[in-house]
Amino acid sequence: MVLSSLVWHITHEPPIMILDESAGIHWGNALLRNKVYEVKPHYHLFGHAHEGYGTFKDEHIIFSNGAILDDHYNSCYEPKLIIYK
């Protein structure tokens, strides 16, 4: 794989301070954040931090937390559909 052409980066946990807050705590990973900004994929998809659901764009990277459950494992968000063209 040529890292400069990486489109999708999929992990379970989020990068620190990006859609990573749940129960008032930031659950993200600092090393992961550094690596994502180094590699610069088009999309970084993750979950884990339930209340961090959403999408955020920074430096041409689209970050998406697709967690659809709350901290009590109740469904509270609609699943996301991301279409890559």
N, C-alpha and C. Protein backbone atom coordinates (compact mmCIF):
# COMPACT_ATOMS: atom_id res chain seq x y z
N MET A 1 0.84 -1.18 0.00
CA MET A 1 0.00 0.00 0.00
C MET A 1 0.89 1.24 0.00
N VAL A 2 0.55 2.20 -0.83
CA VAL A 2 1.25 3.48 -0.84
C VAL A 2 0.51 4.42 0.10
N LEU A 3 1.17 4.82 1.18
CA LEU A 3 0.48 5.61 2.20
C LEU A 3 -0.04 6.94 1.68
N SER A 4 0.61 7.50 0.69
CA SER A 4 0.15 8.79 0.18
C SER A 4 -1.18 8.69 -0.55
N SER A 5 -1.61 7.48 -0.89
CA SER A 5 -2.88 7.32 -1.59
C SER A 5 -3.94 6.63 -0.72
N LEU A 6 -3.72 6.58 0.58
CA LEU A 6 -4.66 5.92 1.48
C LEU A 6 -5.97 6.69 1.50
N VAL A 7 -7.07 6.00 1.24
CA VAL A 7 -8.38 6.64 1.24
C VAL A 7 -9.09 6.41 2.57
N TRP A 8 -9.16 5.17 3.04
CA TRP A 8 -9.90 4.81 4.24
C TRP A 8 -8.94 4.42 5.36
N HIS A 9 -9.18 4.92 6.53
CA HIS A 9 -8.46 4.49 7.73
C HIS A 9 -9.54 4.16 8.75
N ILE A 10 -9.65 2.90 9.13
CA ILE A 10 -10.74 2.46 10.00
C ILE A 10 -10.15 1.87 11.27
N THR A 11 -10.58 2.42 12.41
CA THR A 11 -10.13 1.94 13.72
C THR A 11 -11.32 1.83 14.65
N HIS A 12 -11.13 1.16 15.76
CA HIS A 12 -12.20 1.11 16.76
C HIS A 12 -12.21 2.39 17.58
N GLU A 13 -11.06 2.78 18.09
CA GLU A 13 -11.03 3.97 18.94
C GLU A 13 -10.73 5.22 18.11
N PRO A 14 -11.19 6.37 18.60
CA PRO A 14 -10.97 7.62 17.89
C PRO A 14 -9.62 8.25 18.23
N PRO A 15 -9.20 9.20 17.41
CA PRO A 15 -8.03 9.99 17.78
C PRO A 15 -8.41 10.94 18.91
N ILE A 16 -7.47 11.27 19.76
CA ILE A 16 -7.74 12.14 20.91
C ILE A 16 -8.29 13.50 20.45
N MET A 17 -9.30 13.97 21.13
CA MET A 17 -9.92 15.28 20.93
C MET A 17 -10.67 15.43 19.61
N ILE A 18 -10.99 14.34 18.94
CA ILE A 18 -11.80 14.40 17.73
C ILE A 18 -12.95 13.43 17.87
N LEU A 19 -14.13 13.95 18.16
CA LEU A 19 -15.34 13.14 18.31
C LEU A 19 -15.12 11.97 19.27
N ASP A 20 -14.37 12.21 20.33
CA ASP A 20 -13.96 11.13 21.23
C ASP A 20 -14.56 11.25 22.63
N GLU A 21 -15.44 12.22 22.85
CA GLU A 21 -15.95 12.43 24.21
C GLU A 21 -17.17 11.56 24.48
N SER A 22 -17.18 10.94 25.65
CA SER A 22 -18.31 10.14 26.11
C SER A 22 -18.26 10.13 27.63
N ALA A 23 -19.40 10.38 28.25
CA ALA A 23 -19.51 10.45 29.72
C ALA A 23 -18.54 11.49 30.29
N GLY A 24 -18.32 12.57 29.52
CA GLY A 24 -17.46 13.65 29.99
C GLY A 24 -15.97 13.37 29.93
N ILE A 25 -15.60 12.27 29.30
CA ILE A 25 -14.18 11.87 29.23
C ILE A 25 -13.78 11.77 27.75
N HIS A 26 -12.58 12.22 27.44
CA HIS A 26 -12.04 12.04 26.09
C HIS A 26 -11.32 10.69 26.06
N TRP A 27 -11.84 9.78 25.23
CA TRP A 27 -11.35 8.40 25.18
C TRP A 27 -10.34 8.18 24.06
N GLY A 28 -10.04 9.20 23.29
CA GLY A 28 -9.20 9.03 22.11
C GLY A 28 -7.75 8.72 22.40
N ASN A 29 -7.04 8.40 21.34
CA ASN A 29 -5.66 7.96 21.41
C ASN A 29 -4.77 9.01 20.75
N ALA A 30 -3.80 9.54 21.48
CA ALA A 30 -2.91 10.58 20.98
C ALA A 30 -1.99 10.06 19.87
N LEU A 31 -1.44 8.87 20.03
CA LEU A 31 -0.56 8.32 19.00
C LEU A 31 -1.32 8.09 17.69
N LEU A 32 -2.56 7.65 17.82
CA LEU A 32 -3.41 7.44 16.64
C LEU A 32 -3.65 8.77 15.92
N ARG A 33 -3.95 9.82 16.68
CA ARG A 33 -4.16 11.14 16.07
C ARG A 33 -2.92 11.58 15.28
N ASN A 34 -1.76 11.43 15.88
CA ASN A 34 -0.52 11.81 15.20
C ASN A 34 -0.34 11.04 13.89
N LYS A 35 -0.61 9.75 13.92
CA LYS A 35 -0.45 8.91 12.74
C LYS A 35 -1.46 9.29 11.65
N VAL A 36 -2.70 9.56 12.03
CA VAL A 36 -3.71 9.95 11.04
C VAL A 36 -3.30 11.24 10.34
N TYR A 37 -2.83 12.23 11.09
CA TYR A 37 -2.39 13.48 10.48
C TYR A 37 -1.11 13.31 9.66
N GLU A 38 -0.32 12.31 9.99
CA GLU A 38 0.88 12.03 9.20
C GLU A 38 0.52 11.38 7.86
N VAL A 39 -0.37 10.39 7.92
CA VAL A 39 -0.75 9.62 6.73
C VAL A 39 -1.76 10.39 5.86
N LYS A 40 -2.63 11.17 6.48
CA LYS A 40 -3.63 11.98 5.79
C LYS A 40 -4.57 11.18 4.88
N PRO A 41 -5.31 10.22 5.44
CA PRO A 41 -6.29 9.52 4.62
C PRO A 41 -7.43 10.47 4.26
N HIS A 42 -8.22 10.09 3.27
CA HIS A 42 -9.39 10.91 2.94
C HIS A 42 -10.44 10.82 4.05
N TYR A 43 -10.60 9.60 4.61
CA TYR A 43 -11.59 9.35 5.66
C TYR A 43 -10.94 8.58 6.81
N HIS A 44 -11.28 8.96 8.03
CA HIS A 44 -10.93 8.15 9.20
C HIS A 44 -12.24 7.82 9.89
N LEU A 45 -12.59 6.54 9.91
CA LEU A 45 -13.85 6.06 10.47
C LEU A 45 -13.57 5.29 11.75
N PHE A 46 -14.39 5.54 12.77
CA PHE A 46 -14.17 4.90 14.07
C PHE A 46 -15.46 4.91 14.87
N GLY A 47 -15.41 4.42 16.08
CA GLY A 47 -16.55 4.39 16.99
C GLY A 47 -16.05 4.56 18.41
N HIS A 48 -16.43 3.65 19.28
CA HIS A 48 -15.97 3.56 20.67
C HIS A 48 -16.54 4.62 21.60
N ALA A 49 -16.36 5.90 21.29
CA ALA A 49 -16.87 6.97 22.15
C ALA A 49 -18.31 7.26 21.74
N HIS A 50 -19.26 6.66 22.44
CA HIS A 50 -20.66 6.67 22.02
C HIS A 50 -21.24 8.07 21.85
N GLU A 51 -20.98 8.96 22.76
CA GLU A 51 -21.56 10.31 22.68
C GLU A 51 -20.84 11.19 21.67
N GLY A 52 -19.76 10.69 21.10
CA GLY A 52 -18.99 11.46 20.13
C GLY A 52 -19.50 11.32 18.70
N TYR A 53 -20.65 10.68 18.53
CA TYR A 53 -21.23 10.45 17.20
C TYR A 53 -21.21 11.73 16.38
N GLY A 54 -20.82 11.62 15.12
CA GLY A 54 -20.85 12.77 14.24
C GLY A 54 -19.74 12.73 13.21
N THR A 55 -19.65 13.82 12.47
CA THR A 55 -18.66 13.95 11.42
C THR A 55 -17.96 15.30 11.56
N PHE A 56 -16.67 15.32 11.28
CA PHE A 56 -15.85 16.52 11.44
C PHE A 56 -14.80 16.50 10.34
N LYS A 57 -14.54 17.65 9.72
CA LYS A 57 -13.52 17.72 8.68
C LYS A 57 -12.41 18.65 9.13
N ASP A 58 -11.17 18.19 8.97
CA ASP A 58 -10.00 18.99 9.32
C ASP A 58 -8.85 18.61 8.40
N GLU A 59 -8.18 19.61 7.85
CA GLU A 59 -7.05 19.38 6.96
C GLU A 59 -7.37 18.37 5.85
N HIS A 60 -8.52 18.47 5.26
CA HIS A 60 -8.98 17.62 4.17
C HIS A 60 -9.19 16.17 4.58
N ILE A 61 -9.25 15.90 5.88
CA ILE A 61 -9.56 14.55 6.39
C ILE A 61 -10.97 14.61 6.96
N ILE A 62 -11.81 13.68 6.55
CA ILE A 62 -13.15 13.58 7.11
C ILE A 62 -13.12 12.53 8.20
N PHE A 63 -13.40 12.95 9.44
CA PHE A 63 -13.44 12.06 10.59
C PHE A 63 -14.92 11.73 10.85
N SER A 64 -15.21 10.47 11.07
CA SER A 64 -16.59 10.09 11.33
C SER A 64 -16.66 9.06 12.45
N ASN A 65 -17.36 9.44 13.52
CA ASN A 65 -17.63 8.52 14.63
C ASN A 65 -19.01 7.93 14.37
N GLY A 66 -19.05 6.67 14.02
CA GLY A 66 -20.30 6.01 13.66
C GLY A 66 -20.98 5.26 14.79
N ALA A 67 -20.58 5.50 16.04
CA ALA A 67 -21.23 4.82 17.18
C ALA A 67 -22.70 5.22 17.22
N ILE A 68 -23.60 4.25 17.17
CA ILE A 68 -25.03 4.57 17.14
C ILE A 68 -25.74 4.27 18.46
N LEU A 69 -24.99 3.82 19.47
CA LEU A 69 -25.57 3.52 20.77
C LEU A 69 -25.12 4.54 21.80
N ASP A 70 -25.94 4.74 22.83
CA ASP A 70 -25.51 5.60 23.93
C ASP A 70 -24.71 4.76 24.92
N ASP A 71 -24.30 5.36 26.03
CA ASP A 71 -23.48 4.63 27.01
C ASP A 71 -24.22 3.51 27.73
N HIS A 72 -25.54 3.44 27.53
CA HIS A 72 -26.34 2.35 28.12
C HIS A 72 -26.72 1.32 27.05
N TYR A 73 -26.10 1.44 25.87
CA TYR A 73 -26.29 0.53 24.75
C TYR A 73 -27.69 0.57 24.16
N ASN A 74 -28.33 1.74 24.25
CA ASN A 74 -29.62 1.96 23.59
C ASN A 74 -29.34 2.65 22.26
N SER A 75 -30.06 2.23 21.23
CA SER A 75 -29.90 2.85 19.93
C SER A 75 -30.42 4.28 19.98
N CYS A 76 -29.59 5.24 19.60
CA CYS A 76 -30.03 6.63 19.69
C CYS A 76 -29.64 7.47 18.47
N TYR A 77 -28.90 6.92 17.54
CA TYR A 77 -28.49 7.65 16.34
C TYR A 77 -28.77 6.80 15.11
N GLU A 78 -28.98 7.47 14.00
CA GLU A 78 -29.16 6.77 12.72
C GLU A 78 -27.79 6.36 12.18
N PRO A 79 -27.70 5.18 11.59
CA PRO A 79 -26.43 4.79 10.96
C PRO A 79 -26.09 5.76 9.83
N LYS A 80 -24.79 5.92 9.57
CA LYS A 80 -24.33 6.81 8.51
C LYS A 80 -24.05 6.02 7.24
N LEU A 81 -24.30 6.66 6.13
CA LEU A 81 -23.93 6.11 4.84
C LEU A 81 -22.94 7.08 4.22
N ILE A 82 -21.75 6.61 3.94
CA ILE A 82 -20.72 7.45 3.33
C ILE A 82 -20.48 6.91 1.94
N ILE A 83 -20.67 7.77 0.95
CA ILE A 83 -20.48 7.40 -0.44
C ILE A 83 -19.21 8.05 -0.94
N TYR A 84 -18.30 7.24 -1.40
CA TYR A 84 -17.01 7.74 -1.91
C TYR A 84 -17.08 7.76 -3.43
N LYS A 85 -16.83 8.91 -4.01
CA LYS A 85 -16.85 9.03 -5.47
C LYS A 85 -15.48 9.37 -5.99
